[in-house]
Amino acid sequence: MYLTIKETAEYLSMPEAVVESLVQQNKIRTIFDGQQHLINKEQFNTHFEQLEKYKKMVEEYLSEPIPEDWDAKDED
């Protein structure tokens, strides 16, 4: 499915100007049909999968209990 820049901005929850900038920097692949840039929605699947994986890693890290203080005593 192809989206316009406006639809892509809504899909990614970011301003249109940012999406346009990413298109100009070739960080988002597009097809130009003579009037507008069309963006394949499927290219963001990997990005969202990586975000979910990262969120899961952060949740696991934050849910680990803090180890007890082993109270090292200096016996000099």
PDB file of N, CA and C in Angstrom:
ATOM      1  N   MET A   1       0.841  -1.174   0.000  1.00  0.00           N
ATOM      2  CA  MET A   1       0.000   0.000   0.000  1.00  0.00           C
ATOM      3  C   MET A   1       0.890   1.241   0.000  1.00  0.00           C
ATOM      4  N   TYR A   2       0.554   2.183  -0.841  1.00  0.00           N
ATOM      5  CA  TYR A   2       1.335   3.417  -0.947  1.00  0.00           C
ATOM      6  C   TYR A   2       0.609   4.566  -0.264  1.00  0.00           C
ATOM      7  N   LEU A   3       1.391   5.395   0.408  1.00  0.00           N
ATOM      8  CA  LEU A   3       0.852   6.537   1.141  1.00  0.00           C
ATOM      9  C   LEU A   3       1.465   7.826   0.618  1.00  0.00           C
ATOM     10  N   THR A   4       0.739   8.918   0.754  1.00  0.00           N
ATOM     11  CA  THR A   4       1.296  10.224   0.440  1.00  0.00           C
ATOM     12  C   THR A   4       2.157  10.666   1.634  1.00  0.00           C
ATOM     13  N   ILE A   5       2.839  11.782   1.477  1.00  0.00           N
ATOM     14  CA  ILE A   5       3.671  12.286   2.577  1.00  0.00           C
ATOM     15  C   ILE A   5       2.800  12.629   3.786  1.00  0.00           C
ATOM     16  N   LYS A   6       1.635  13.227   3.532  1.00  0.00           N
ATOM     17  CA  LYS A   6       0.735  13.584   4.631  1.00  0.00           C
ATOM     18  C   LYS A   6       0.258  12.329   5.365  1.00  0.00           C
ATOM     19  N   GLU A   7      -0.159  11.315   4.622  1.00  0.00           N
ATOM     20  CA  GLU A   7      -0.621  10.071   5.237  1.00  0.00           C
ATOM     21  C   GLU A   7       0.507   9.373   5.989  1.00  0.00           C
ATOM     22  N   THR A   8       1.724   9.431   5.436  1.00  0.00           N
ATOM     23  CA  THR A   8       2.878   8.824   6.100  1.00  0.00           C
ATOM     24  C   THR A   8       3.170   9.535   7.413  1.00  0.00           C
ATOM     25  N   ALA A   9       3.071  10.853   7.415  1.00  0.00           N
ATOM     26  CA  ALA A   9       3.300  11.624   8.641  1.00  0.00           C
ATOM     27  C   ALA A   9       2.295  11.229   9.716  1.00  0.00           C
ATOM     28  N   GLU A  10       1.045  11.040   9.324  1.00  0.00           N
ATOM     29  CA  GLU A  10       0.027  10.609  10.286  1.00  0.00           C
ATOM     30  C   GLU A  10       0.315   9.190  10.777  1.00  0.00           C
ATOM     31  N   TYR A  11       0.719   8.310   9.860  1.00  0.00           N
ATOM     32  CA  TYR A  11       1.017   6.916  10.206  1.00  0.00           C
ATOM     33  C   TYR A  11       2.183   6.822  11.191  1.00  0.00           C
ATOM     34  N   LEU A  12       3.197   7.671  10.979  1.00  0.00           N
ATOM     35  CA  LEU A  12       4.385   7.641  11.835  1.00  0.00           C
ATOM     36  C   LEU A  12       4.278   8.580  13.033  1.00  0.00           C
ATOM     37  N   SER A  13       3.194   9.331  13.130  1.00  0.00           N
ATOM     38  CA  SER A  13       2.982  10.301  14.212  1.00  0.00           C
ATOM     39  C   SER A  13       4.118  11.309  14.288  1.00  0.00           C
ATOM     40  N   MET A  14       4.401  11.936  13.161  1.00  0.00           N
ATOM     41  CA  MET A  14       5.425  12.973  13.118  1.00  0.00           C
ATOM     42  C   MET A  14       4.983  14.060  12.146  1.00  0.00           C
ATOM     43  N   PRO A  15       5.561  15.246  12.238  1.00  0.00           N
ATOM     44  CA  PRO A  15       5.171  16.343  11.346  1.00  0.00           C
ATOM     45  C   PRO A  15       5.517  16.048   9.882  1.00  0.00           C
ATOM     46  N   GLU A  16       4.728  16.631   8.984  1.00  0.00           N
ATOM     47  CA  GLU A  16       4.974  16.449   7.560  1.00  0.00           C
ATOM     48  C   GLU A  16       6.356  16.949   7.162  1.00  0.00           C
ATOM     49  N   ALA A  17       6.805  18.045   7.765  1.00  0.00           N
ATOM     50  CA  ALA A  17       8.106  18.618   7.421  1.00  0.00           C
ATOM     51  C   ALA A  17       9.232  17.618   7.689  1.00  0.00           C
ATOM     52  N   VAL A  18       9.105  16.842   8.752  1.00  0.00           N
ATOM     53  CA  VAL A  18      10.134  15.847   9.081  1.00  0.00           C
ATOM     54  C   VAL A  18      10.137  14.742   8.030  1.00  0.00           C
ATOM     55  N   VAL A  19       8.950  14.300   7.628  1.00  0.00           N
ATOM     56  CA  VAL A  19       8.858  13.252   6.611  1.00  0.00           C
ATOM     57  C   VAL A  19       9.433  13.766   5.290  1.00  0.00           C
ATOM     58  N   GLU A  20       9.098  14.997   4.916  1.00  0.00           N
ATOM     59  CA  GLU A  20       9.648  15.584   3.685  1.00  0.00           C
ATOM     60  C   GLU A  20      11.164  15.659   3.755  1.00  0.00           C
ATOM     61  N   SER A  21      11.683  16.030   4.912  1.00  0.00           N
ATOM     62  CA  SER A  21      13.134  16.108   5.086  1.00  0.00           C
ATOM     63  C   SER A  21      13.776  14.734   4.932  1.00  0.00           C
ATOM     64  N   LEU A  22      13.158  13.707   5.503  1.00  0.00           N
ATOM     65  CA  LEU A  22      13.693  12.350   5.391  1.00  0.00           C
ATOM     66  C   LEU A  22      13.634  11.855   3.947  1.00  0.00           C
ATOM     67  N   VAL A  23      12.607  12.258   3.211  1.00  0.00           N
ATOM     68  CA  VAL A  23      12.509  11.899   1.793  1.00  0.00           C
ATOM     69  C   VAL A  23      13.643  12.562   1.018  1.00  0.00           C
ATOM     70  N   GLN A  24      13.892  13.839   1.290  1.00  0.00           N
ATOM     71  CA  GLN A  24      14.960  14.570   0.596  1.00  0.00           C
ATOM     72  C   GLN A  24      16.330  14.002   0.921  1.00  0.00           C
ATOM     73  N   GLN A  25      16.505  13.478   2.119  1.00  0.00           N
ATOM     74  CA  GLN A  25      17.777  12.879   2.531  1.00  0.00           C
ATOM     75  C   GLN A  25      17.901  11.428   2.078  1.00  0.00           C
ATOM     76  N   ASN A  26      16.902  10.920   1.362  1.00  0.00           N
ATOM     77  CA  ASN A  26      16.846   9.534   0.883  1.00  0.00           C
ATOM     78  C   ASN A  26      16.850   8.515   2.020  1.00  0.00           C
ATOM     79  N   LYS A  27      16.314   8.893   3.167  1.00  0.00           N
ATOM     80  CA  LYS A  27      16.197   7.958   4.281  1.00  0.00           C
ATOM     81  C   LYS A  27      14.868   7.216   4.224  1.00  0.00           C
ATOM     82  N   ILE A  28      13.917   7.759   3.454  1.00  0.00           N
ATOM     83  CA  ILE A  28      12.660   7.090   3.181  1.00  0.00           C
ATOM     84  C   ILE A  28      12.575   6.933   1.670  1.00  0.00           C
ATOM     85  N   ARG A  29      12.377   5.687   1.220  1.00  0.00           N
ATOM     86  CA  ARG A  29      12.280   5.425  -0.216  1.00  0.00           C
ATOM     87  C   ARG A  29      10.907   5.835  -0.728  1.00  0.00           C
ATOM     88  N   THR A  30      10.873   6.481  -1.890  1.00  0.00           N
ATOM     89  CA  THR A  30       9.615   6.925  -2.479  1.00  0.00           C
ATOM     90  C   THR A  30       9.579   6.621  -3.968  1.00  0.00           C
ATOM     91  N   ILE A  31       8.388   6.737  -4.495  1.00  0.00           N
ATOM     92  CA  ILE A  31       8.171   6.693  -5.942  1.00  0.00           C
ATOM     93  C   ILE A  31       7.513   8.022  -6.288  1.00  0.00           C
ATOM     94  N   PHE A  32       8.059   8.714  -7.284  1.00  0.00           N
ATOM     95  CA  PHE A  32       7.473   9.989  -7.704  1.00  0.00           C
ATOM     96  C   PHE A  32       6.634   9.731  -8.936  1.00  0.00           C
ATOM     97  N   ASP A  33       5.343  10.027  -8.848  1.00  0.00           N
ATOM     98  CA  ASP A  33       4.428   9.734  -9.955  1.00  0.00           C
ATOM     99  C   ASP A  33       4.215  10.929 -10.884  1.00  0.00           C
ATOM    100  N   GLY A  34       5.055  11.949 -10.759  1.00  0.00           N
ATOM    101  CA  GLY A  34       4.920  13.136 -11.592  1.00  0.00           C
ATOM    102  C   GLY A  34       4.261  14.279 -10.852  1.00  0.00           C
ATOM    103  N   GLN A  35       3.507  13.975  -9.812  1.00  0.00           N
ATOM    104  CA  GLN A  35       2.833  15.010  -9.034  1.00  0.00           C
ATOM    105  C   GLN A  35       3.213  14.973  -7.563  1.00  0.00           C
ATOM    106  N   GLN A  36       3.385  13.782  -7.041  1.00  0.00           N
ATOM    107  CA  GLN A  36       3.661  13.649  -5.610  1.00  0.00           C
ATOM    108  C   GLN A  36       4.516  12.417  -5.340  1.00  0.00           C
ATOM    109  N   HIS A  37       5.132  12.423  -4.178  1.00  0.00           N
ATOM    110  CA  HIS A  37       5.916  11.266  -3.750  1.00  0.00           C
ATOM    111  C   HIS A  37       4.976  10.265  -3.096  1.00  0.00           C
ATOM    112  N   LEU A  38       5.101   9.004  -3.476  1.00  0.00           N
ATOM    113  CA  LEU A  38       4.333   7.930  -2.855  1.00  0.00           C
ATOM    114  C   LEU A  38       5.290   7.038  -2.088  1.00  0.00           C
ATOM    115  N   ILE A  39       4.907   6.665  -0.892  1.00  0.00           N
ATOM    116  CA  ILE A  39       5.774   5.929   0.015  1.00  0.00           C
ATOM    117  C   ILE A  39       5.147   4.580   0.322  1.00  0.00           C
ATOM    118  N   ASN A  40       5.928   3.524   0.137  1.00  0.00           N
ATOM    119  CA  ASN A  40       5.452   2.175   0.430  1.00  0.00           C
ATOM    120  C   ASN A  40       5.408   1.987   1.947  1.00  0.00           C
ATOM    121  N   LYS A  41       4.242   1.670   2.450  1.00  0.00           N
ATOM    122  CA  LYS A  41       4.023   1.522   3.890  1.00  0.00           C
ATOM    123  C   LYS A  41       4.811   0.353   4.473  1.00  0.00           C
ATOM    124  N   GLU A  42       5.076  -0.682   3.680  1.00  0.00           N
ATOM    125  CA  GLU A  42       5.734  -1.891   4.164  1.00  0.00           C
ATOM    126  C   GLU A  42       7.176  -1.653   4.615  1.00  0.00           C
ATOM    127  N   GLN A  43       7.819  -0.574   4.135  1.00  0.00           N
ATOM    128  CA  GLN A  43       9.207  -0.353   4.514  1.00  0.00           C
ATOM    129  C   GLN A  43       9.372   0.021   5.984  1.00  0.00           C
ATOM    130  N   PHE A  44       8.282   0.326   6.667  1.00  0.00           N
ATOM    131  CA  PHE A  44       8.358   0.703   8.080  1.00  0.00           C
ATOM    132  C   PHE A  44       8.132  -0.481   9.010  1.00  0.00           C
ATOM    133  N   ASN A  45       7.791  -1.655   8.483  1.00  0.00           N
ATOM    134  CA  ASN A  45       7.535  -2.821   9.325  1.00  0.00           C
ATOM    135  C   ASN A  45       8.743  -3.182  10.180  1.00  0.00           C
ATOM    136  N   THR A  46       9.916  -3.214   9.578  1.00  0.00           N
ATOM    137  CA  THR A  46      11.128  -3.555  10.327  1.00  0.00           C
ATOM    138  C   THR A  46      11.387  -2.532  11.425  1.00  0.00           C
ATOM    139  N   HIS A  47      11.158  -1.273  11.119  1.00  0.00           N
ATOM    140  CA  HIS A  47      11.356  -0.212  12.108  1.00  0.00           C
ATOM    141  C   HIS A  47      10.461  -0.431  13.324  1.00  0.00           C
ATOM    142  N   PHE A  48       9.187  -0.736  13.071  1.00  0.00           N
ATOM    143  CA  PHE A  48       8.263  -0.949  14.185  1.00  0.00           C
ATOM    144  C   PHE A  48       8.593  -2.225  14.953  1.00  0.00           C
ATOM    145  N   GLU A  49       9.059  -3.247  14.269  1.00  0.00           N
ATOM    146  CA  GLU A  49       9.470  -4.479  14.944  1.00  0.00           C
ATOM    147  C   GLU A  49      10.656  -4.208  15.859  1.00  0.00           C
ATOM    148  N   GLN A  50      11.620  -3.420  15.390  1.00  0.00           N
ATOM    149  CA  GLN A  50      12.782  -3.089  16.205  1.00  0.00           C
ATOM    150  C   GLN A  50      12.379  -2.240  17.405  1.00  0.00           C
ATOM    151  N   LEU A  51      11.428  -1.334  17.217  1.00  0.00           N
ATOM    152  CA  LEU A  51      10.950  -0.534  18.344  1.00  0.00           C
ATOM    153  C   LEU A  51      10.318  -1.411  19.413  1.00  0.00           C
ATOM    154  N   GLU A  52       9.507  -2.370  18.986  1.00  0.00           N
ATOM    155  CA  GLU A  52       8.868  -3.273  19.948  1.00  0.00           C
ATOM    156  C   GLU A  52       9.911  -4.101  20.691  1.00  0.00           C
ATOM    157  N   LYS A  53      10.918  -4.578  19.967  1.00  0.00           N
ATOM    158  CA  LYS A  53      11.979  -5.365  20.596  1.00  0.00           C
ATOM    159  C   LYS A  53      12.741  -4.513  21.619  1.00  0.00           C
ATOM    160  N   TYR A  54      13.020  -3.262  21.257  1.00  0.00           N
ATOM    161  CA  TYR A  54      13.728  -2.362  22.166  1.00  0.00           C
ATOM    162  C   TYR A  54      12.888  -2.067  23.410  1.00  0.00           C
ATOM    163  N   LYS A  55      11.584  -1.825  23.221  1.00  0.00           N
ATOM    164  CA  LYS A  55      10.705  -1.572  24.365  1.00  0.00           C
ATOM    165  C   LYS A  55      10.692  -2.762  25.311  1.00  0.00           C
ATOM    166  N   LYS A  56      10.665  -3.961  24.738  1.00  0.00           N
ATOM    167  CA  LYS A  56      10.653  -5.174  25.556  1.00  0.00           C
ATOM    168  C   LYS A  56      11.953  -5.294  26.351  1.00  0.00           C
ATOM    169  N   MET A  57      13.091  -4.991  25.710  1.00  0.00           N
ATOM    170  CA  MET A  57      14.382  -5.052  26.409  1.00  0.00           C
ATOM    171  C   MET A  57      14.422  -4.055  27.562  1.00  0.00           C
ATOM    172  N   VAL A  58      13.923  -2.841  27.338  1.00  0.00           N
ATOM    173  CA  VAL A  58      13.922  -1.819  28.385  1.00  0.00           C
ATOM    174  C   VAL A  58      13.016  -2.246  29.533  1.00  0.00           C
ATOM    175  N   GLU A  59      11.841  -2.797  29.220  1.00  0.00           N
ATOM    176  CA  GLU A  59      10.935  -3.263  30.273  1.00  0.00           C
ATOM    177  C   GLU A  59      11.580  -4.363  31.107  1.00  0.00           C
ATOM    178  N   GLU A  60      12.263  -5.304  30.452  1.00  0.00           N
ATOM    179  CA  GLU A  60      12.937  -6.379  31.175  1.00  0.00           C
ATOM    180  C   GLU A  60      14.037  -5.818  32.073  1.00  0.00           C
ATOM    181  N   TYR A  61      14.786  -4.855  31.561  1.00  0.00           N
ATOM    182  CA  TYR A  61      15.865  -4.259  32.342  1.00  0.00           C
ATOM    183  C   TYR A  61      15.303  -3.532  33.564  1.00  0.00           C
ATOM    184  N   LEU A  62      14.227  -2.776  33.355  1.00  0.00           N
ATOM    185  CA  LEU A  62      13.655  -2.012  34.460  1.00  0.00           C
ATOM    186  C   LEU A  62      12.942  -2.889  35.480  1.00  0.00           C
ATOM    187  N   SER A  63      12.510  -4.075  35.075  1.00  0.00           N
ATOM    188  CA  SER A  63      11.802  -4.940  36.007  1.00  0.00           C
ATOM    189  C   SER A  63      12.747  -5.819  36.833  1.00  0.00           C
ATOM    190  N   GLU A  64      14.025  -5.825  36.511  1.00  0.00           N
ATOM    191  CA  GLU A  64      14.982  -6.612  37.298  1.00  0.00           C
ATOM    192  C   GLU A  64      15.112  -6.005  38.690  1.00  0.00           C
ATOM    193  N   PRO A  65      15.106  -6.831  39.707  1.00  0.00           N
ATOM    194  CA  PRO A  65      15.263  -6.286  41.058  1.00  0.00           C
ATOM    195  C   PRO A  65      16.693  -5.775  41.280  1.00  0.00           C
ATOM    196  N   ILE A  66      16.792  -4.775  42.106  1.00  0.00           N
ATOM    197  CA  ILE A  66      18.101  -4.224  42.428  1.00  0.00           C
ATOM    198  C   ILE A  66      18.771  -5.180  43.408  1.00  0.00           C
ATOM    199  N   PRO A  67      20.014  -5.592  43.109  1.00  0.00           N
ATOM    200  CA  PRO A  67      20.683  -6.530  44.025  1.00  0.00           C
ATOM    201  C   PRO A  67      20.962  -5.869  45.381  1.00  0.00           C
ATOM    202  N   GLU A  68      20.974  -6.698  46.402  1.00  0.00           N
ATOM    203  CA  GLU A  68      21.257  -6.179  47.735  1.00  0.00           C
ATOM    204  C   GLU A  68      22.684  -5.663  47.797  1.00  0.00           C
ATOM    205  N   ASP A  69      22.879  -4.657  48.613  1.00  0.00           N
ATOM    206  CA  ASP A  69      24.215  -4.080  48.783  1.00  0.00           C
ATOM    207  C   ASP A  69      25.060  -5.083  49.558  1.00  0.00           C
ATOM    208  N   TRP A  70      26.155  -5.496  48.987  1.00  0.00           N
ATOM    209  CA  TRP A  70      26.979  -6.510  49.640  1.00  0.00           C
ATOM    210  C   TRP A  70      27.880  -5.909  50.681  1.00  0.00           C
ATOM    211  N   ASP A  71      27.845  -4.597  50.874  1.00  0.00           N
ATOM    212  CA  ASP A  71      28.510  -3.899  51.978  1.00  0.00           C
ATOM    213  C   ASP A  71      29.961  -4.334  52.160  1.00  0.00           C
ATOM    214  N   ALA A  72      30.784  -3.964  51.221  1.00  0.00           N
ATOM    215  CA  ALA A  72      32.208  -4.279  51.325  1.00  0.00           C
ATOM    216  C   ALA A  72      32.833  -3.405  52.408  1.00  0.00           C
ATOM    217  N   LYS A  73      33.549  -4.031  53.310  1.00  0.00           N
ATOM    218  CA  LYS A  73      34.172  -3.279  54.396  1.00  0.00           C
ATOM    219  C   LYS A  73      35.676  -3.258  54.162  1.00  0.00           C
ATOM    220  N   ASP A  74      36.217  -2.109  54.332  1.00  0.00           N
ATOM    221  CA  ASP A  74      37.647  -1.944  54.160  1.00  0.00           C
ATOM    222  C   ASP A  74      38.321  -2.295  55.484  1.00  0.00           C
ATOM    223  N   GLU A  75      39.217  -3.293  55.474  1.00  0.00           N
ATOM    224  CA  GLU A  75      39.827  -3.741  56.708  1.00  0.00           C
ATOM    225  C   GLU A  75      41.283  -3.339  56.796  1.00  0.00           C
ATOM    226  N   ASP A  76      41.565  -2.125  56.377  1.00  0.00           N
ATOM    227  CA  ASP A  76      42.966  -1.648  56.474  1.00  0.00           C
ATOM    228  C   ASP A  76      43.315  -1.270  57.864  1.00  0.00           C
TER     229      ASP A  76
END
